[in-house]
Amino acid sequence: MVHPSQGRPPAQGHPQPWQAPPPQHGTPLRPQPWQGPPPQHGAPLRPRPGRKAWRVVAGVVAVCLGLPAVLAGGGLVAHAVADSRQQIPSKRYLRNLWRNLPVETLFPATIGLPDPGAREAGPGAGRGWTRAAVSPETSCGKALSGDLAREAGARGCVAAVRASYVDDTGGSAATIAIVAFGERDDTDDLDSVLRESRRDERDYGVRVLSAPGLAWADGARAGSGAWAVPDPDTPLLVAVTSGPVDGRRPGRLPPPWGRGEIQQQQDRSPWAETSVGLAESVVLRLSDEIGKVRS
């Protein structure tokens, strides 16, 4: 028999897990490779090496030099962002407004009709004009005629851009000219020059810009009118001529309706009023664009 103090041998076929032998009293633990030697009792701690003075000075200098550069860079960025949100009025921009604005703004697809869908609402919905052609030419001599052309040339006409429109009834056509000058004073009294030329010489100041499919030509001009843009930095004049779209020559009524010049002028007067109204409408549109620049 085996004494209980001697333990019982392990049964066959059931291996026991390995256990490390207990440490012997008085024997220090062997340090592992990743561990440093254990600290000695009573030994002073090794002092942490202090920073060298020159490194501290260099860091302070770097901060002092870099901080103003960072602040200056941030200031430039903020200034650029602020400038991008500002619309500073520019006399040079307004003086060249005729070429700074896109064609669709100078000569919109429709004039005088706030709602294009109102065309099907009946004859009382309002009278509108639809663009038929835009000229690529900017020559003052090719766009203007008569006394207006001569006076504009003498005052230093810079450019004249034109577009033709047809009204919604299909009976009238008009050519609108936006005439640019060097100074605002150059446009003074040109509306009077055009009015006198129309009355005395039957010259209507603006040459017709023909459009495909229209018989609209210089010989069909029956009225004209002009308005100057009321802005001191925008030297523009809007001149308009209008007449029958089919090329008929108004003002040649047979007797007894056309016995005198007064009757003939009365036959042409509706187109004169139409021309003045169109010129005023274009000036109002341009004034709106000027207001956007100044706001």
C-alpha atoms as a PDB file:
ATOM      1  CA  MET A   1       0.000   0.000   0.000  1.00  0.00           C
ATOM      2  CA  VAL A   2       1.072   3.571  -0.632  1.00  0.00           C
ATOM      3  CA  HIS A   3       0.996   5.951   2.247  1.00  0.00           C
ATOM      4  CA  PRO A   4      -1.342   8.936   1.657  1.00  0.00           C
ATOM      5  CA  SER A   5       1.501  11.384   2.313  1.00  0.00           C
ATOM      6  CA  GLN A   6       3.456  10.008  -0.624  1.00  0.00           C
ATOM      7  CA  GLY A   7       0.717  10.889  -3.070  1.00  0.00           C
ATOM      8  CA  ARG A   8      -0.948   8.753  -5.620  1.00  0.00           C
ATOM      9  CA  PRO A   9       0.762   8.202  -8.989  1.00  0.00           C
ATOM     10  CA  PRO A  10      -1.136   9.545 -11.980  1.00  0.00           C
ATOM     11  CA  ALA A  11      -3.366   7.185 -13.700  1.00  0.00           C
ATOM     12  CA  GLN A  12      -2.194   5.864 -16.993  1.00  0.00           C
ATOM     13  CA  GLY A  13      -3.635   7.646 -20.057  1.00  0.00           C
ATOM     14  CA  HIS A  14      -4.438  10.922 -18.236  1.00  0.00           C
ATOM     15  CA  PRO A  15      -1.393  13.268 -18.463  1.00  0.00           C
ATOM     16  CA  GLN A  16      -1.379  16.160 -16.037  1.00  0.00           C
ATOM     17  CA  PRO A  17      -0.585  19.750 -17.152  1.00  0.00           C
ATOM     18  CA  TRP A  18       2.895  21.012 -16.548  1.00  0.00           C
ATOM     19  CA  GLN A  19       3.422  23.294 -13.619  1.00  0.00           C
ATOM     20  CA  ALA A  20       6.454  25.436 -13.010  1.00  0.00           C
ATOM     21  CA  PRO A  21       8.335  24.592  -9.807  1.00  0.00           C
ATOM     22  CA  PRO A  22       7.716  27.068  -7.014  1.00  0.00           C
ATOM     23  CA  PRO A  23      10.473  29.582  -6.440  1.00  0.00           C
ATOM     24  CA  GLN A  24      12.906  28.834  -3.734  1.00  0.00           C
ATOM     25  CA  HIS A  25      12.976  31.137  -0.799  1.00  0.00           C
ATOM     26  CA  GLY A  26      15.848  33.596  -0.961  1.00  0.00           C
ATOM     27  CA  THR A  27      16.462  33.159  -4.697  1.00  0.00           C
ATOM     28  CA  PRO A  28      15.822  36.346  -6.784  1.00  0.00           C
ATOM     29  CA  LEU A  29      13.685  36.111  -9.870  1.00  0.00           C
ATOM     30  CA  ARG A  30      15.609  36.006 -13.107  1.00  0.00           C
ATOM     31  CA  PRO A  31      14.737  39.080 -15.225  1.00  0.00           C
ATOM     32  CA  GLN A  32      13.192  38.471 -18.606  1.00  0.00           C
ATOM     33  CA  PRO A  33      14.971  39.715 -21.714  1.00  0.00           C
ATOM     34  CA  TRP A  34      12.516  42.562 -22.205  1.00  0.00           C
ATOM     35  CA  GLN A  35      12.855  43.810 -18.698  1.00  0.00           C
ATOM     36  CA  GLY A  36      15.662  45.913 -17.378  1.00  0.00           C
ATOM     37  CA  PRO A  37      17.515  45.061 -14.183  1.00  0.00           C
ATOM     38  CA  PRO A  38      15.424  45.579 -11.093  1.00  0.00           C
ATOM     39  CA  PRO A  39      16.116  48.764  -9.208  1.00  0.00           C
ATOM     40  CA  GLN A  40      18.402  48.456  -6.242  1.00  0.00           C
ATOM     41  CA  HIS A  41      16.879  49.336  -2.950  1.00  0.00           C
ATOM     42  CA  GLY A  42      18.194  52.636  -1.712  1.00  0.00           C
ATOM     43  CA  ALA A  43      19.811  53.616  -5.056  1.00  0.00           C
ATOM     44  CA  PRO A  44      18.965  57.196  -6.231  1.00  0.00           C
ATOM     45  CA  LEU A  45      16.881  57.628  -9.368  1.00  0.00           C
ATOM     46  CA  ARG A  46      18.809  58.672 -12.462  1.00  0.00           C
ATOM     47  CA  PRO A  47      18.068  62.358 -13.169  1.00  0.00           C
ATOM     48  CA  ARG A  48      16.278  63.237 -16.465  1.00  0.00           C
ATOM     49  CA  PRO A  49      18.604  65.074 -18.810  1.00  0.00           C
ATOM     50  CA  GLY A  50      17.576  68.693 -19.074  1.00  0.00           C
ATOM     51  CA  ARG A  51      17.042  70.593 -22.348  1.00  0.00           C
ATOM     52  CA  LYS A  52      19.921  72.545 -23.632  1.00  0.00           C
ATOM     53  CA  ALA A  53      19.551  76.289 -23.467  1.00  0.00           C
ATOM     54  CA  TRP A  54      20.127  76.823 -27.168  1.00  0.00           C
ATOM     55  CA  ARG A  55      17.201  74.540 -28.058  1.00  0.00           C
ATOM     56  CA  VAL A  56      14.849  76.539 -25.857  1.00  0.00           C
ATOM     57  CA  VAL A  57      16.016  79.801 -27.400  1.00  0.00           C
ATOM     58  CA  ALA A  58      15.636  78.408 -30.935  1.00  0.00           C
ATOM     59  CA  GLY A  59      12.067  77.293 -30.209  1.00  0.00           C
ATOM     60  CA  VAL A  60      11.100  80.708 -28.870  1.00  0.00           C
ATOM     61  CA  VAL A  61      12.620  82.446 -31.906  1.00  0.00           C
ATOM     62  CA  ALA A  62      10.808  80.113 -34.303  1.00  0.00           C
ATOM     63  CA  VAL A  63       7.477  80.838 -32.644  1.00  0.00           C
ATOM     64  CA  CYS A  64       8.096  84.584 -32.700  1.00  0.00           C
ATOM     65  CA  LEU A  65       8.997  84.518 -36.383  1.00  0.00           C
ATOM     66  CA  GLY A  66       6.306  82.092 -37.502  1.00  0.00           C
ATOM     67  CA  LEU A  67       3.342  83.582 -35.657  1.00  0.00           C
ATOM     68  CA  PRO A  68       3.321  86.903 -37.568  1.00  0.00           C
ATOM     69  CA  ALA A  69       3.558  85.020 -40.860  1.00  0.00           C
ATOM     70  CA  VAL A  70       0.582  82.833 -39.926  1.00  0.00           C
ATOM     71  CA  LEU A  71      -1.426  85.864 -38.842  1.00  0.00           C
ATOM     72  CA  ALA A  72      -0.515  87.747 -42.008  1.00  0.00           C
ATOM     73  CA  GLY A  73      -1.513  84.784 -44.174  1.00  0.00           C
ATOM     74  CA  GLY A  74      -4.827  84.475 -42.386  1.00  0.00           C
ATOM     75  CA  GLY A  75      -5.412  88.196 -42.847  1.00  0.00           C
ATOM     76  CA  LEU A  76      -4.790  87.963 -46.581  1.00  0.00           C
ATOM     77  CA  VAL A  77      -7.208  85.067 -46.918  1.00  0.00           C
ATOM     78  CA  ALA A  78      -9.874  86.923 -44.944  1.00  0.00           C
ATOM     79  CA  HIS A  79      -9.309  90.051 -47.035  1.00  0.00           C
ATOM     80  CA  ALA A  80      -9.612  88.086 -50.274  1.00  0.00           C
ATOM     81  CA  VAL A  81     -12.833  86.442 -49.131  1.00  0.00           C
ATOM     82  CA  ALA A  82     -14.250  89.822 -48.097  1.00  0.00           C
ATOM     83  CA  ASP A  83     -13.317  91.373 -51.450  1.00  0.00           C
ATOM     84  CA  SER A  84     -14.968  88.538 -53.345  1.00  0.00           C
ATOM     85  CA  ARG A  85     -18.248  89.339 -51.632  1.00  0.00           C
ATOM     86  CA  GLN A  86     -18.122  93.041 -52.429  1.00  0.00           C
ATOM     87  CA  GLN A  87     -19.410  94.705 -55.580  1.00  0.00           C
ATOM     88  CA  ILE A  88     -17.388  97.873 -55.937  1.00  0.00           C
ATOM     89  CA  PRO A  89     -18.798 100.351 -58.478  1.00  0.00           C
ATOM     90  CA  SER A  90     -16.339 100.847 -61.304  1.00  0.00           C
ATOM     91  CA  LYS A  91     -16.512 103.806 -63.650  1.00  0.00           C
ATOM     92  CA  ARG A  92     -14.561 101.863 -66.225  1.00  0.00           C
ATOM     93  CA  TYR A  93     -17.032  98.974 -66.035  1.00  0.00           C
ATOM     94  CA  LEU A  94     -20.038 101.291 -66.432  1.00  0.00           C
ATOM     95  CA  ARG A  95     -18.400 103.238 -69.234  1.00  0.00           C
ATOM     96  CA  ASN A  96     -18.031  99.965 -71.131  1.00  0.00           C
ATOM     97  CA  LEU A  97     -21.352  98.546 -70.023  1.00  0.00           C
ATOM     98  CA  TRP A  98     -22.393  97.881 -73.613  1.00  0.00           C
ATOM     99  CA  ARG A  99     -19.728  95.170 -73.927  1.00  0.00           C
ATOM    100  CA  ASN A 100     -19.533  94.041 -70.311  1.00  0.00           C
ATOM    101  CA  LEU A 101     -23.129  92.856 -70.309  1.00  0.00           C
ATOM    102  CA  PRO A 102     -24.046  89.697 -72.243  1.00  0.00           C
ATOM    103  CA  VAL A 103     -26.137  89.997 -75.393  1.00  0.00           C
ATOM    104  CA  GLU A 104     -29.094  88.339 -73.680  1.00  0.00           C
ATOM    105  CA  THR A 105     -29.122  91.192 -71.165  1.00  0.00           C
ATOM    106  CA  LEU A 106     -28.676  93.998 -73.684  1.00  0.00           C
ATOM    107  CA  PHE A 107     -31.212  92.540 -76.082  1.00  0.00           C
ATOM    108  CA  PRO A 108     -33.450  90.049 -74.258  1.00  0.00           C
ATOM    109  CA  ALA A 109     -35.511  87.524 -76.169  1.00  0.00           C
ATOM    110  CA  THR A 110     -38.709  89.426 -75.346  1.00  0.00           C
ATOM    111  CA  ILE A 111     -39.412  93.045 -74.409  1.00  0.00           C
ATOM    112  CA  GLY A 112     -42.557  94.527 -72.944  1.00  0.00           C
ATOM    113  CA  LEU A 113     -44.195  91.225 -72.052  1.00  0.00           C
ATOM    114  CA  PRO A 114     -43.600  90.196 -68.423  1.00  0.00           C
ATOM    115  CA  ASP A 115     -45.075  86.728 -68.876  1.00  0.00           C
ATOM    116  CA  PRO A 116     -44.342  84.967 -72.209  1.00  0.00           C
ATOM    117  CA  GLY A 117     -47.227  82.572 -71.464  1.00  0.00           C
ATOM    118  CA  ALA A 118     -49.666  85.485 -71.602  1.00  0.00           C
ATOM    119  CA  ARG A 119     -49.577  85.453 -75.398  1.00  0.00           C
ATOM    120  CA  GLU A 120     -52.396  82.909 -75.418  1.00  0.00           C
ATOM    121  CA  ALA A 121     -54.457  84.957 -72.960  1.00  0.00           C
ATOM    122  CA  GLY A 122     -56.028  87.144 -75.659  1.00  0.00           C
ATOM    123  CA  PRO A 123     -55.370  90.545 -77.242  1.00  0.00           C
ATOM    124  CA  GLY A 124     -55.807  92.380 -73.957  1.00  0.00           C
ATOM    125  CA  ALA A 125     -52.925  90.562 -72.257  1.00  0.00           C
ATOM    126  CA  GLY A 126     -50.387  93.185 -73.374  1.00  0.00           C
ATOM    127  CA  ARG A 127     -48.131  93.944 -76.298  1.00  0.00           C
ATOM    128  CA  GLY A 128     -44.752  92.313 -76.474  1.00  0.00           C
ATOM    129  CA  TRP A 129     -41.797  92.254 -78.836  1.00  0.00           C
ATOM    130  CA  THR A 130     -39.814  89.188 -79.853  1.00  0.00           C
ATOM    131  CA  ARG A 131     -36.198  89.382 -80.939  1.00  0.00           C
ATOM    132  CA  ALA A 132     -35.631  88.491 -84.611  1.00  0.00           C
ATOM    133  CA  ALA A 133     -31.947  89.319 -85.185  1.00  0.00           C
ATOM    134  CA  VAL A 134     -28.804  90.687 -83.489  1.00  0.00           C
ATOM    135  CA  SER A 135     -26.050  92.397 -85.439  1.00  0.00           C
ATOM    136  CA  PRO A 136     -22.410  91.396 -84.884  1.00  0.00           C
ATOM    137  CA  GLU A 137     -21.343  94.829 -86.154  1.00  0.00           C
ATOM    138  CA  THR A 138     -20.420  97.637 -83.742  1.00  0.00           C
ATOM    139  CA  SER A 139     -19.656 100.361 -86.289  1.00  0.00           C
ATOM    140  CA  CYS A 140     -21.412 103.656 -85.615  1.00  0.00           C
ATOM    141  CA  GLY A 141     -21.453 104.480 -89.335  1.00  0.00           C
ATOM    142  CA  LYS A 142     -23.181 101.215 -90.243  1.00  0.00           C
ATOM    143  CA  ALA A 143     -25.760 101.464 -87.464  1.00  0.00           C
ATOM    144  CA  LEU A 144     -26.754 105.144 -87.708  1.00  0.00           C
ATOM    145  CA  SER A 145     -27.859 107.463 -90.502  1.00  0.00           C
ATOM    146  CA  GLY A 146     -28.586 111.112 -91.249  1.00  0.00           C
ATOM    147  CA  ASP A 147     -28.039 113.878 -88.731  1.00  0.00           C
ATOM    148  CA  LEU A 148     -27.805 111.446 -85.839  1.00  0.00           C
ATOM    149  CA  ALA A 149     -24.908 109.634 -87.513  1.00  0.00           C
ATOM    150  CA  ARG A 150     -23.085 112.882 -88.242  1.00  0.00           C
ATOM    151  CA  GLU A 151     -23.583 114.307 -84.761  1.00  0.00           C
ATOM    152  CA  ALA A 152     -22.659 111.046 -83.042  1.00  0.00           C
ATOM    153  CA  GLY A 153     -19.476 110.833 -85.096  1.00  0.00           C
ATOM    154  CA  ALA A 154     -18.541 114.383 -84.189  1.00  0.00           C
ATOM    155  CA  ARG A 155     -19.032 113.635 -80.497  1.00  0.00           C
ATOM    156  CA  GLY A 156     -16.812 110.574 -80.557  1.00  0.00           C
ATOM    157  CA  CYS A 157     -19.184 107.622 -80.961  1.00  0.00           C
ATOM    158  CA  VAL A 158     -17.402 104.523 -79.680  1.00  0.00           C
ATOM    159  CA  ALA A 159     -19.764 101.757 -80.792  1.00  0.00           C
ATOM    160  CA  ALA A 160     -23.352 101.035 -81.782  1.00  0.00           C
ATOM    161  CA  VAL A 161     -24.921  97.602 -81.340  1.00  0.00           C
ATOM    162  CA  ARG A 162     -28.307  96.722 -82.843  1.00  0.00           C
ATOM    163  CA  ALA A 163     -31.099  94.176 -82.662  1.00  0.00           C
ATOM    164  CA  SER A 164     -34.424  93.883 -84.494  1.00  0.00           C
ATOM    165  CA  TYR A 165     -37.755  92.893 -82.939  1.00  0.00           C
ATOM    166  CA  VAL A 166     -41.224  92.023 -84.199  1.00  0.00           C
ATOM    167  CA  ASP A 167     -44.335  92.766 -82.184  1.00  0.00           C
ATOM    168  CA  ASP A 168     -46.788  90.050 -81.219  1.00  0.00           C
ATOM    169  CA  THR A 169     -49.355  91.203 -83.752  1.00  0.00           C
ATOM    170  CA  GLY A 170     -46.872  90.555 -86.548  1.00  0.00           C
ATOM    171  CA  GLY A 171     -47.605  93.972 -88.059  1.00  0.00           C
ATOM    172  CA  SER A 172     -44.722  96.095 -86.750  1.00  0.00           C
ATOM    173  CA  ALA A 173     -40.955  95.757 -86.645  1.00  0.00           C
ATOM    174  CA  ALA A 174     -38.335  97.792 -84.814  1.00  0.00           C
ATOM    175  CA  THR A 175     -34.553  98.088 -84.763  1.00  0.00           C
ATOM    176  CA  ILE A 176     -32.974  99.123 -81.456  1.00  0.00           C
ATOM    177  CA  ALA A 177     -29.505 100.666 -81.343  1.00  0.00           C
ATOM    178  CA  ILE A 178     -27.481 101.094 -78.147  1.00  0.00           C
ATOM    179  CA  VAL A 179     -24.942 103.821 -78.911  1.00  0.00           C
ATOM    180  CA  ALA A 180     -21.858 104.200 -76.694  1.00  0.00           C
ATOM    181  CA  PHE A 181     -19.812 107.384 -76.202  1.00  0.00           C
ATOM    182  CA  GLY A 182     -16.695 108.338 -74.291  1.00  0.00           C
ATOM    183  CA  GLU A 183     -18.372 110.785 -71.888  1.00  0.00           C
ATOM    184  CA  ARG A 184     -21.862 111.166 -70.502  1.00  0.00           C
ATOM    185  CA  ASP A 185     -22.198 114.734 -71.840  1.00  0.00           C
ATOM    186  CA  ASP A 186     -21.827 113.436 -75.392  1.00  0.00           C
ATOM    187  CA  THR A 187     -25.368 112.070 -75.272  1.00  0.00           C
ATOM    188  CA  ASP A 188     -27.004 115.409 -74.416  1.00  0.00           C
ATOM    189  CA  ASP A 189     -29.749 116.603 -76.806  1.00  0.00           C
ATOM    190  CA  LEU A 190     -29.246 113.753 -79.246  1.00  0.00           C
ATOM    191  CA  ASP A 191     -32.911 112.860 -78.840  1.00  0.00           C
ATOM    192  CA  SER A 192     -33.745 116.364 -80.103  1.00  0.00           C
ATOM    193  CA  VAL A 193     -31.351 115.918 -83.027  1.00  0.00           C
ATOM    194  CA  LEU A 194     -33.166 112.735 -83.977  1.00  0.00           C
ATOM    195  CA  ARG A 195     -36.600 114.317 -83.639  1.00  0.00           C
ATOM    196  CA  GLU A 196     -35.719 117.287 -85.884  1.00  0.00           C
ATOM    197  CA  SER A 197     -34.087 115.022 -88.441  1.00  0.00           C
ATOM    198  CA  ARG A 198     -37.210 112.884 -88.571  1.00  0.00           C
ATOM    199  CA  ARG A 199     -39.433 115.921 -89.085  1.00  0.00           C
ATOM    200  CA  ASP A 200     -37.332 117.894 -91.567  1.00  0.00           C
ATOM    201  CA  GLU A 201     -35.566 115.228 -93.596  1.00  0.00           C
ATOM    202  CA  ARG A 202     -37.619 112.143 -92.872  1.00  0.00           C
ATOM    203  CA  ASP A 203     -34.501 110.436 -91.698  1.00  0.00           C
ATOM    204  CA  TYR A 204     -34.992 108.146 -88.734  1.00  0.00           C
ATOM    205  CA  GLY A 205     -31.449 107.954 -87.430  1.00  0.00           C
ATOM    206  CA  VAL A 206     -31.127 104.164 -87.068  1.00  0.00           C
ATOM    207  CA  ARG A 207     -30.457 101.864 -89.987  1.00  0.00           C
ATOM    208  CA  VAL A 208     -32.700  98.834 -90.165  1.00  0.00           C
ATOM    209  CA  LEU A 209     -31.199  95.479 -89.235  1.00  0.00           C
ATOM    210  CA  SER A 210     -32.859  92.989 -91.560  1.00  0.00           C
ATOM    211  CA  ALA A 211     -33.959  89.577 -90.375  1.00  0.00           C
ATOM    212  CA  PRO A 212     -34.643  86.367 -92.316  1.00  0.00           C
ATOM    213  CA  GLY A 213     -38.206  86.148 -93.557  1.00  0.00           C
ATOM    214  CA  LEU A 214     -38.984  89.846 -92.942  1.00  0.00           C
ATOM    215  CA  ALA A 215     -39.468  92.625 -95.477  1.00  0.00           C
ATOM    216  CA  TRP A 216     -38.320  95.120 -92.845  1.00  0.00           C
ATOM    217  CA  ALA A 217     -35.971  97.603 -94.558  1.00  0.00           C
ATOM    218  CA  ASP A 218     -34.842 101.231 -94.384  1.00  0.00           C
ATOM    219  CA  GLY A 219     -37.594 102.331 -96.736  1.00  0.00           C
ATOM    220  CA  ALA A 220     -40.253 101.078 -94.322  1.00  0.00           C
ATOM    221  CA  ARG A 221     -39.099 103.190 -91.379  1.00  0.00           C
ATOM    222  CA  ALA A 222     -41.975 105.338 -90.147  1.00  0.00           C
ATOM    223  CA  GLY A 223     -40.965 106.586 -86.707  1.00  0.00           C
ATOM    224  CA  SER A 224     -38.031 106.964 -84.363  1.00  0.00           C
ATOM    225  CA  GLY A 225     -37.196 107.989 -80.824  1.00  0.00           C
ATOM    226  CA  ALA A 226     -34.287 108.084 -78.394  1.00  0.00           C
ATOM    227  CA  TRP A 227     -33.529 108.116 -74.668  1.00  0.00           C
ATOM    228  CA  ALA A 228     -30.219 108.669 -72.880  1.00  0.00           C
ATOM    229  CA  VAL A 229     -29.275 106.502 -69.908  1.00  0.00           C
ATOM    230  CA  PRO A 230     -29.579 108.782 -66.842  1.00  0.00           C
ATOM    231  CA  ASP A 231     -26.339 107.772 -65.162  1.00  0.00           C
ATOM    232  CA  PRO A 232     -23.268 110.060 -64.962  1.00  0.00           C
ATOM    233  CA  ASP A 233     -20.830 107.175 -65.517  1.00  0.00           C
ATOM    234  CA  THR A 234     -22.721 105.391 -68.319  1.00  0.00           C
ATOM    235  CA  PRO A 235     -22.562 107.327 -71.604  1.00  0.00           C
ATOM    236  CA  LEU A 236     -25.197 105.390 -73.545  1.00  0.00           C
ATOM    237  CA  LEU A 237     -27.988 106.469 -75.886  1.00  0.00           C
ATOM    238  CA  VAL A 238     -30.794 104.144 -76.934  1.00  0.00           C
ATOM    239  CA  ALA A 239     -32.220 105.019 -80.363  1.00  0.00           C
ATOM    240  CA  VAL A 240     -35.066 103.103 -82.009  1.00  0.00           C
ATOM    241  CA  THR A 241     -36.770 103.134 -85.381  1.00  0.00           C
ATOM    242  CA  SER A 242     -39.946 101.218 -86.245  1.00  0.00           C
ATOM    243  CA  GLY A 243     -42.405 100.664 -89.078  1.00  0.00           C
ATOM    244  CA  PRO A 244     -44.557  98.081 -90.878  1.00  0.00           C
ATOM    245  CA  VAL A 245     -43.008  94.634 -90.929  1.00  0.00           C
ATOM    246  CA  ASP A 246     -44.246  93.998 -94.470  1.00  0.00           C
ATOM    247  CA  GLY A 247     -42.151  96.840 -95.920  1.00  0.00           C
ATOM    248  CA  ARG A 248     -45.066  99.192 -96.629  1.00  0.00           C
ATOM    249  CA  ARG A 249     -44.136 102.894 -96.626  1.00  0.00           C
ATOM    250  CA  PRO A 250     -46.370 104.875 -94.263  1.00  0.00           C
ATOM    251  CA  GLY A 251     -47.039 108.563 -94.735  1.00  0.00           C
ATOM    252  CA  ARG A 252     -48.057 108.300 -98.374  1.00  0.00           C
ATOM    253  CA  LEU A 253     -51.798 108.392 -98.077  1.00  0.00           C
ATOM    254  CA  PRO A 254     -53.706 109.075-101.296  1.00  0.00           C
ATOM    255  CA  PRO A 255     -56.163 111.986-101.502  1.00  0.00           C
ATOM    256  CA  PRO A 256     -58.356 112.951 -99.833  1.00  0.00           C
ATOM    257  CA  TRP A 257     -56.690 111.421 -96.730  1.00  0.00           C
ATOM    258  CA  GLY A 258     -53.198 112.661 -97.431  1.00  0.00           C
ATOM    259  CA  ARG A 259     -53.717 116.169 -98.760  1.00  0.00           C
ATOM    260  CA  GLY A 260     -51.227 117.788 -96.388  1.00  0.00           C
ATOM    261  CA  GLU A 261     -48.101 116.984 -94.409  1.00  0.00           C
ATOM    262  CA  ILE A 262     -50.060 116.954 -91.165  1.00  0.00           C
ATOM    263  CA  GLN A 263     -52.134 114.019 -92.350  1.00  0.00           C
ATOM    264  CA  GLN A 264     -49.039 112.213 -93.493  1.00  0.00           C
ATOM    265  CA  GLN A 265     -47.378 112.764 -90.109  1.00  0.00           C
ATOM    266  CA  GLN A 266     -50.463 111.459 -88.378  1.00  0.00           C
ATOM    267  CA  ASP A 267     -50.145 108.280 -90.366  1.00  0.00           C
ATOM    268  CA  ARG A 268     -46.584 107.888 -89.103  1.00  0.00           C
ATOM    269  CA  SER A 269     -47.158 109.047 -85.523  1.00  0.00           C
ATOM    270  CA  PRO A 270     -48.052 105.598 -84.056  1.00  0.00           C
ATOM    271  CA  TRP A 271     -44.613 104.287 -84.970  1.00  0.00           C
ATOM    272  CA  ALA A 272     -42.939 107.360 -83.510  1.00  0.00           C
ATOM    273  CA  GLU A 273     -44.696 106.722 -80.196  1.00  0.00           C
ATOM    274  CA  THR A 274     -43.784 103.056 -80.406  1.00  0.00           C
ATOM    275  CA  SER A 275     -40.118 103.912 -80.953  1.00  0.00           C
ATOM    276  CA  VAL A 276     -40.003 106.271 -77.975  1.00  0.00           C
ATOM    277  CA  GLY A 277     -41.683 103.674 -75.756  1.00  0.00           C
ATOM    278  CA  LEU A 278     -39.233 100.938 -76.767  1.00  0.00           C
ATOM    279  CA  ALA A 279     -36.248 103.225 -76.166  1.00  0.00           C
ATOM    280  CA  GLU A 280     -37.532 104.066 -72.695  1.00  0.00           C
ATOM    281  CA  SER A 281     -38.097 100.374 -71.919  1.00  0.00           C
ATOM    282  CA  VAL A 282     -34.512  99.481 -72.861  1.00  0.00           C
ATOM    283  CA  VAL A 283     -33.146 102.400 -70.797  1.00  0.00           C
ATOM    284  CA  LEU A 284     -35.080 101.156 -67.764  1.00  0.00           C
ATOM    285  CA  ARG A 285     -33.563  97.694 -68.202  1.00  0.00           C
ATOM    286  CA  LEU A 286     -30.064  99.142 -68.427  1.00  0.00           C
ATOM    287  CA  SER A 287     -30.707 101.280 -65.356  1.00  0.00           C
ATOM    288  CA  ASP A 288     -31.616  98.128 -63.447  1.00  0.00           C
ATOM    289  CA  GLU A 289     -28.279  96.587 -64.411  1.00  0.00           C
ATOM    290  CA  ILE A 290     -26.455  99.741 -63.320  1.00  0.00           C
ATOM    291  CA  GLY A 291     -28.250  99.571 -59.990  1.00  0.00           C
ATOM    292  CA  LYS A 292     -26.994  96.016 -59.485  1.00  0.00           C
ATOM    293  CA  VAL A 293     -23.414  97.195 -59.999  1.00  0.00           C
ATOM    294  CA  ARG A 294     -23.779 100.054 -57.545  1.00  0.00           C
ATOM    295  CA  SER A 295     -25.563  98.053 -54.829  1.00  0.00           C
END
